[in-house]
Amino acid sequence: MDTDVIIVGAGPTGLMLACELRLAGVHPLVLERRPRRRDTPKAGGLGEQILELLCYRGLLERCGTACTGLVGP
Protein backbone atom coordinates (compact mmCIF):
# COMPACT_ATOMS: atom_id res chain seq x y z
CA MET A 1 0.00 0.00 0.00
CA ASP A 2 1.43 3.36 -1.04
CA THR A 3 0.48 6.04 1.51
CA ASP A 4 1.86 9.55 1.84
CA VAL A 5 -0.25 10.71 4.80
CA ILE A 6 -2.16 8.90 7.54
CA ILE A 7 -5.30 10.64 8.82
CA VAL A 8 -6.69 9.45 12.14
CA GLY A 9 -10.46 9.80 12.28
CA ALA A 10 -13.09 9.53 9.57
CA GLY A 11 -15.19 12.42 10.81
CA PRO A 12 -16.05 15.44 8.67
CA THR A 13 -12.62 17.01 9.09
CA GLY A 14 -10.67 13.84 8.38
CA LEU A 15 -12.72 12.97 5.31
CA MET A 16 -12.59 16.49 3.88
CA LEU A 17 -8.83 16.58 4.48
CA ALA A 18 -8.45 13.24 2.69
CA CYS A 19 -10.44 14.57 -0.28
CA GLU A 20 -8.38 17.75 -0.49
CA LEU A 21 -5.11 15.83 -0.26
CA ARG A 22 -6.21 13.41 -2.97
CA LEU A 23 -7.11 16.32 -5.26
CA ALA A 24 -3.54 17.55 -4.70
CA GLY A 25 -2.11 14.17 -5.77
CA VAL A 26 -1.33 12.94 -2.26
CA HIS A 27 -2.29 9.37 -1.27
CA PRO A 28 -3.96 9.54 2.17
CA LEU A 29 -4.97 6.63 4.37
CA VAL A 30 -7.89 7.31 6.74
CA LEU A 31 -8.00 5.24 9.94
CA GLU A 32 -11.17 5.00 12.01
CA ARG A 33 -11.60 2.92 15.15
CA ARG A 34 -15.38 2.62 14.91
CA PRO A 35 -16.56 -0.27 12.71
CA ARG A 36 -19.61 1.67 11.44
CA ARG A 37 -21.24 5.08 11.40
CA ARG A 38 -22.82 6.49 14.55
CA ASP A 39 -26.61 6.47 14.88
CA THR A 40 -26.57 10.11 15.98
CA PRO A 41 -24.34 12.80 14.47
CA LYS A 42 -21.65 14.44 16.60
CA ALA A 43 -21.82 17.80 14.87
CA GLY A 44 -24.86 20.05 15.11
CA GLY A 45 -24.22 21.98 11.91
CA LEU A 46 -21.67 23.30 9.46
CA GLY A 47 -19.34 26.11 10.46
CA GLU A 48 -18.23 29.04 8.34
CA GLN A 49 -14.95 27.46 7.20
CA ILE A 50 -16.51 24.23 5.98
CA LEU A 51 -19.23 26.19 4.16
CA GLU A 52 -16.54 28.26 2.44
CA LEU A 53 -14.66 25.11 1.44
CA LEU A 54 -17.80 23.43 0.08
CA CYS A 55 -18.58 26.58 -1.88
CA TYR A 56 -15.01 26.75 -3.21
CA ARG A 57 -15.25 23.14 -4.40
CA GLY A 58 -18.70 23.71 -5.95
CA LEU A 59 -20.33 21.30 -3.50
CA LEU A 60 -22.41 23.64 -1.33
CA GLU A 61 -25.62 23.46 -3.37
CA ARG A 62 -25.28 19.69 -3.81
CA CYS A 63 -24.85 19.19 -0.07
CA GLY A 64 -27.76 21.50 0.70
CA THR A 65 -30.16 19.53 -1.48
CA ALA A 66 -29.02 16.25 0.08
CA CYS A 67 -29.72 17.47 3.63
CA THR A 68 -33.03 16.73 5.28
CA GLY A 69 -34.58 18.16 8.38
CA LEU A 70 -32.99 21.58 7.99
CA VAL A 71 -34.17 24.21 10.43
CA GLY A 72 -34.33 27.67 8.95
CA PRO A 73 -34.22 31.07 10.67
C-alpha atoms as a PDB file:
ATOM      1  CA  MET A   1       0.000   0.000   0.000  1.00  0.00           C
ATOM      2  CA  ASP A   2       1.425   3.362  -1.035  1.00  0.00           C
ATOM      3  CA  THR A   3       0.480   6.037   1.506  1.00  0.00           C
ATOM      4  CA  ASP A   4       1.862   9.549   1.839  1.00  0.00           C
ATOM      5  CA  VAL A   5      -0.252  10.708   4.796  1.00  0.00           C
ATOM      6  CA  ILE A   6      -2.162   8.903   7.545  1.00  0.00           C
ATOM      7  CA  ILE A   7      -5.296  10.642   8.817  1.00  0.00           C
ATOM      8  CA  VAL A   8      -6.689   9.454  12.144  1.00  0.00           C
ATOM      9  CA  GLY A   9     -10.459   9.795  12.284  1.00  0.00           C
ATOM     10  CA  ALA A  10     -13.093   9.527   9.570  1.00  0.00           C
ATOM     11  CA  GLY A  11     -15.193  12.419  10.809  1.00  0.00           C
ATOM     12  CA  PRO A  12     -16.054  15.436   8.666  1.00  0.00           C
ATOM     13  CA  THR A  13     -12.622  17.013   9.094  1.00  0.00           C
ATOM     14  CA  GLY A  14     -10.669  13.843   8.377  1.00  0.00           C
ATOM     15  CA  LEU A  15     -12.722  12.966   5.308  1.00  0.00           C
ATOM     16  CA  MET A  16     -12.587  16.485   3.879  1.00  0.00           C
ATOM     17  CA  LEU A  17      -8.831  16.578   4.483  1.00  0.00           C
ATOM     18  CA  ALA A  18      -8.445  13.236   2.692  1.00  0.00           C
ATOM     19  CA  CYS A  19     -10.439  14.566  -0.280  1.00  0.00           C
ATOM     20  CA  GLU A  20      -8.383  17.750  -0.487  1.00  0.00           C
ATOM     21  CA  LEU A  21      -5.112  15.831  -0.258  1.00  0.00           C
ATOM     22  CA  ARG A  22      -6.214  13.409  -2.966  1.00  0.00           C
ATOM     23  CA  LEU A  23      -7.108  16.322  -5.255  1.00  0.00           C
ATOM     24  CA  ALA A  24      -3.542  17.550  -4.702  1.00  0.00           C
ATOM     25  CA  GLY A  25      -2.110  14.172  -5.771  1.00  0.00           C
ATOM     26  CA  VAL A  26      -1.326  12.937  -2.260  1.00  0.00           C
ATOM     27  CA  HIS A  27      -2.289   9.372  -1.266  1.00  0.00           C
ATOM     28  CA  PRO A  28      -3.962   9.542   2.167  1.00  0.00           C
ATOM     29  CA  LEU A  29      -4.966   6.631   4.369  1.00  0.00           C
ATOM     30  CA  VAL A  30      -7.890   7.307   6.737  1.00  0.00           C
ATOM     31  CA  LEU A  31      -7.996   5.240   9.940  1.00  0.00           C
ATOM     32  CA  GLU A  32     -11.173   4.997  12.011  1.00  0.00           C
ATOM     33  CA  ARG A  33     -11.605   2.923  15.151  1.00  0.00           C
ATOM     34  CA  ARG A  34     -15.385   2.623  14.905  1.00  0.00           C
ATOM     35  CA  PRO A  35     -16.556  -0.265  12.709  1.00  0.00           C
ATOM     36  CA  ARG A  36     -19.610   1.669  11.441  1.00  0.00           C
ATOM     37  CA  ARG A  37     -21.237   5.080  11.397  1.00  0.00           C
ATOM     38  CA  ARG A  38     -22.825   6.486  14.553  1.00  0.00           C
ATOM     39  CA  ASP A  39     -26.606   6.474  14.879  1.00  0.00           C
ATOM     40  CA  THR A  40     -26.567  10.110  15.984  1.00  0.00           C
ATOM     41  CA  PRO A  41     -24.341  12.803  14.471  1.00  0.00           C
ATOM     42  CA  LYS A  42     -21.647  14.435  16.595  1.00  0.00           C
ATOM     43  CA  ALA A  43     -21.822  17.801  14.866  1.00  0.00           C
ATOM     44  CA  GLY A  44     -24.855  20.052  15.112  1.00  0.00           C
ATOM     45  CA  GLY A  45     -24.221  21.977  11.913  1.00  0.00           C
ATOM     46  CA  LEU A  46     -21.674  23.303   9.464  1.00  0.00           C
ATOM     47  CA  GLY A  47     -19.340  26.112  10.458  1.00  0.00           C
ATOM     48  CA  GLU A  48     -18.227  29.035   8.345  1.00  0.00           C
ATOM     49  CA  GLN A  49     -14.945  27.461   7.201  1.00  0.00           C
ATOM     50  CA  ILE A  50     -16.514  24.229   5.980  1.00  0.00           C
ATOM     51  CA  LEU A  51     -19.229  26.193   4.164  1.00  0.00           C
ATOM     52  CA  GLU A  52     -16.540  28.262   2.441  1.00  0.00           C
ATOM     53  CA  LEU A  53     -14.658  25.112   1.438  1.00  0.00           C
ATOM     54  CA  LEU A  54     -17.795  23.432   0.085  1.00  0.00           C
ATOM     55  CA  CYS A  55     -18.582  26.582  -1.883  1.00  0.00           C
ATOM     56  CA  TYR A  56     -15.014  26.749  -3.206  1.00  0.00           C
ATOM     57  CA  ARG A  57     -15.249  23.137  -4.404  1.00  0.00           C
ATOM     58  CA  GLY A  58     -18.696  23.711  -5.953  1.00  0.00           C
ATOM     59  CA  LEU A  59     -20.334  21.299  -3.504  1.00  0.00           C
ATOM     60  CA  LEU A  60     -22.407  23.635  -1.333  1.00  0.00           C
ATOM     61  CA  GLU A  61     -25.619  23.458  -3.375  1.00  0.00           C
ATOM     62  CA  ARG A  62     -25.285  19.691  -3.814  1.00  0.00           C
ATOM     63  CA  CYS A  63     -24.849  19.194  -0.074  1.00  0.00           C
ATOM     64  CA  GLY A  64     -27.758  21.503   0.698  1.00  0.00           C
ATOM     65  CA  THR A  65     -30.163  19.533  -1.482  1.00  0.00           C
ATOM     66  CA  ALA A  66     -29.023  16.254   0.082  1.00  0.00           C
ATOM     67  CA  CYS A  67     -29.717  17.467   3.629  1.00  0.00           C
ATOM     68  CA  THR A  68     -33.034  16.726   5.281  1.00  0.00           C
ATOM     69  CA  GLY A  69     -34.576  18.165   8.385  1.00  0.00           C
ATOM     70  CA  LEU A  70     -32.985  21.579   7.992  1.00  0.00           C
ATOM     71  CA  VAL A  71     -34.172  24.214  10.431  1.00  0.00           C
ATOM     72  CA  GLY A  72     -34.325  27.665   8.947  1.00  0.00           C
ATOM     73  CA  PRO A  73     -34.217  31.066  10.667  1.00  0.00           C
END
